Each structure stands twice: as structure tokens, then as C-alpha cells.
Amino acid sequence: MTVAITCELLTLNTRGEDNLDGGDGSGAANGLDAADATGWTISPPSGLAFDERLVLRFIVTTAATFVVKAGDRYPAQRADLGDLSVAMAANDVRMICIETIRFLQNDGTINITCTNTTDRLQAYMLPKAA
């Protein structure tokens, strides 16, 4: 089962929502507990398309590997570079800014798989400067 989430668009020079590391993902619009899931399908914020401003936050309690799946060749012009694997140690939190042109699917989403059903993911789109 894959969980669908919409990334959070951050606001420039403004405090964001509280995105807690709690196991149930409460307190965050997009923080998820991936129980019964094997990954995520991430959509851009409403009315927007992904560009190079996407940041992912991975949260694990046991050692895990996340795989950002290569995109479809068009629109993912760099899909030939393949999947991106992110290995993590137990009780680890990591942030990564990904190159969306490598991972974008033809439906406008990005797919990520995980090795543990307790892994969590939060997705953020950085704001454009005014």
C-alpha cells in the first residue's frame, strides 16, 4: 500500500506549521506514520507543479532505506540516472533536497518506497522569493 501525501508549501519569512516527529504524525499536515505502507506518492501543493524547491525529511526508528524512484521519461528528463537510495541508521532524521526533474512521474507526482512500516516522511516545497 502506498500512502498519498501533498507536500507543504512553506511561506517566506513566516513560522511554519509544527511538524512533530511523533509516531502518529499528529501535529503535521504531511507528517505520516507509514504503518501498513510500503511508500508514498507525493503531490505538489494545490495549484502548483514541482520544481527544484522540494525538500524531503526522512524519520526512522530502526535502520532503513528509502528509495526515491526514477521518474518517467517525459517529464523526467534525467530519469536515466535511476533511483536514489538513502540509507539511514536507527533513530535517524535526515533532510534531502531532490532534483525533481530526475524523479517526476508523468502524473506530476514523486514516488518513494521504504523498507520499514514505521518509517515516516515529510515533504516541503520552499517558497519563491518575492
Protein backbone atom coordinates (compact mmCIF):
# COMPACT_ATOMS: atom_id res chain seq x y z
CA MET A 1 0.00 0.00 0.00
CA THR A 2 1.30 3.43 -0.91
CA VAL A 3 0.21 6.50 1.06
CA ALA A 4 -0.65 9.67 -0.88
CA ILE A 5 0.51 12.96 0.65
CA THR A 6 0.60 16.58 -0.51
CA CYS A 7 3.76 18.47 0.31
CA GLU A 8 3.54 21.57 2.45
CA LEU A 9 4.30 24.91 0.80
CA LEU A 10 6.35 26.95 3.25
CA THR A 11 5.81 30.72 3.47
CA LEU A 12 8.76 33.08 3.17
CA ASN A 13 9.77 34.78 6.45
CA THR A 14 6.90 33.13 8.33
CA ARG A 15 6.86 30.47 11.01
CA GLY A 16 5.69 27.16 9.53
CA GLU A 17 3.38 24.55 10.99
CA ASP A 18 4.56 22.37 13.84
CA ASN A 19 5.86 19.19 12.21
CA LEU A 20 6.44 16.84 15.08
CA ASP A 21 8.41 13.61 14.92
CA GLY A 22 5.63 11.81 16.79
CA GLY A 23 4.98 8.28 15.60
CA ASP A 24 1.39 9.00 14.66
CA GLY A 25 2.31 12.04 12.56
CA SER A 26 -0.12 14.21 14.54
CA GLY A 27 0.64 17.90 14.58
CA ALA A 28 1.68 17.98 10.93
CA ALA A 29 -0.35 18.28 7.78
CA ASN A 30 2.02 15.97 5.94
CA GLY A 31 3.92 14.01 8.59
CA LEU A 32 2.86 10.40 8.25
CA ASP A 33 3.25 7.19 10.12
CA ALA A 34 3.73 4.67 7.33
CA ALA A 35 2.21 1.75 9.21
CA ASP A 36 0.73 -0.65 6.65
CA ALA A 37 2.50 1.23 3.87
CA THR A 38 5.41 0.50 1.60
CA GLY A 39 5.95 4.05 0.49
CA TRP A 40 4.49 7.37 -0.55
CA THR A 41 3.21 9.19 -3.61
CA ILE A 42 3.94 12.88 -3.13
CA SER A 43 1.87 15.55 -4.87
CA PRO A 44 2.73 19.25 -5.13
CA PRO A 45 0.69 21.83 -3.20
CA SER A 46 -2.68 22.67 -4.76
CA GLY A 47 -2.35 24.72 -7.95
CA LEU A 48 1.43 24.23 -8.23
CA ALA A 49 3.82 21.91 -10.03
CA PHE A 50 7.07 20.55 -8.64
CA ASP A 51 10.25 22.46 -9.43
CA GLU A 52 13.67 22.34 -7.79
CA ARG A 53 12.37 23.54 -4.41
CA LEU A 54 11.35 20.18 -2.91
CA VAL A 55 12.84 19.10 0.42
CA LEU A 56 12.16 15.67 1.96
CA ARG A 57 12.53 14.84 5.65
CA PHE A 58 13.00 11.16 6.48
CA ILE A 59 12.41 9.92 10.05
CA VAL A 60 13.24 6.38 11.22
CA THR A 61 13.37 4.45 14.49
CA THR A 62 15.12 1.38 13.09
CA ALA A 63 17.73 1.23 10.32
CA ALA A 64 16.03 1.74 6.96
CA THR A 65 16.46 2.56 3.32
CA PHE A 66 14.29 5.00 1.37
CA VAL A 67 14.26 4.82 -2.42
CA VAL A 68 13.19 7.84 -4.46
CA LYS A 69 12.01 6.20 -7.67
CA ALA A 70 13.25 7.38 -11.06
CA GLY A 71 10.64 9.30 -13.00
CA ASP A 72 9.01 8.70 -16.35
CA ARG A 73 10.98 9.94 -19.30
CA TYR A 74 8.97 12.80 -20.14
CA PRO A 75 8.65 14.79 -17.97
CA ALA A 76 11.68 13.46 -16.03
CA GLN A 77 14.50 14.44 -18.38
CA ARG A 78 17.14 12.92 -16.08
CA ALA A 79 15.26 9.68 -15.28
CA ASP A 80 18.11 7.70 -16.87
CA LEU A 81 20.15 8.40 -13.71
CA GLY A 82 17.89 5.89 -11.95
CA ASP A 83 16.57 5.60 -8.41
CA LEU A 84 18.15 7.35 -5.43
CA SER A 85 18.65 5.21 -2.29
CA VAL A 86 19.03 6.88 1.10
CA ALA A 87 20.30 4.51 3.83
CA MET A 88 19.68 5.57 7.41
CA ALA A 89 20.80 4.35 10.82
CA ALA A 90 18.41 3.68 13.69
CA ASN A 91 16.81 6.76 15.30
CA ASP A 92 17.92 8.98 12.45
CA VAL A 93 16.38 12.09 10.89
CA ARG A 94 17.66 13.36 7.53
CA MET A 95 16.67 16.08 5.09
CA ILE A 96 17.42 15.97 1.40
CA CYS A 97 16.69 18.39 -1.42
CA ILE A 98 15.98 16.35 -4.53
CA GLU A 99 16.28 17.14 -8.20
CA THR A 100 12.64 16.78 -9.25
CA ILE A 101 13.48 16.61 -12.96
CA ARG A 102 15.03 13.20 -12.21
CA PHE A 103 12.11 11.75 -10.22
CA LEU A 104 8.93 13.33 -11.63
CA GLN A 105 6.25 10.87 -12.82
CA ASN A 106 4.05 11.67 -15.82
CA ASP A 107 1.12 12.36 -13.47
CA GLY A 108 3.11 15.12 -11.68
CA THR A 109 3.91 13.11 -8.54
CA ILE A 110 7.08 11.66 -6.98
CA ASN A 111 7.19 8.08 -5.68
CA ILE A 112 9.23 6.92 -2.68
CA THR A 113 9.45 3.43 -1.18
CA CYS A 114 10.68 2.40 2.27
CA THR A 115 11.92 -0.78 3.93
CA ASN A 116 10.06 -0.50 7.26
CA THR A 117 6.41 0.13 8.00
CA THR A 118 7.38 2.51 10.81
CA ASP A 119 9.32 4.91 8.55
CA ARG A 120 7.94 8.42 8.19
CA LEU A 121 8.30 11.13 5.59
CA GLN A 122 7.54 14.83 5.47
CA ALA A 123 7.69 16.83 2.23
CA TYR A 124 8.14 20.59 1.88
CA MET A 125 8.21 22.96 -1.06
CA LEU A 126 10.37 26.01 -0.46
CA PRO A 127 8.82 29.40 -1.31
CA LYS A 128 9.97 31.58 -4.14
CA ALA A 129 11.47 34.90 -3.10
CA ALA A 130 9.20 37.84 -3.81
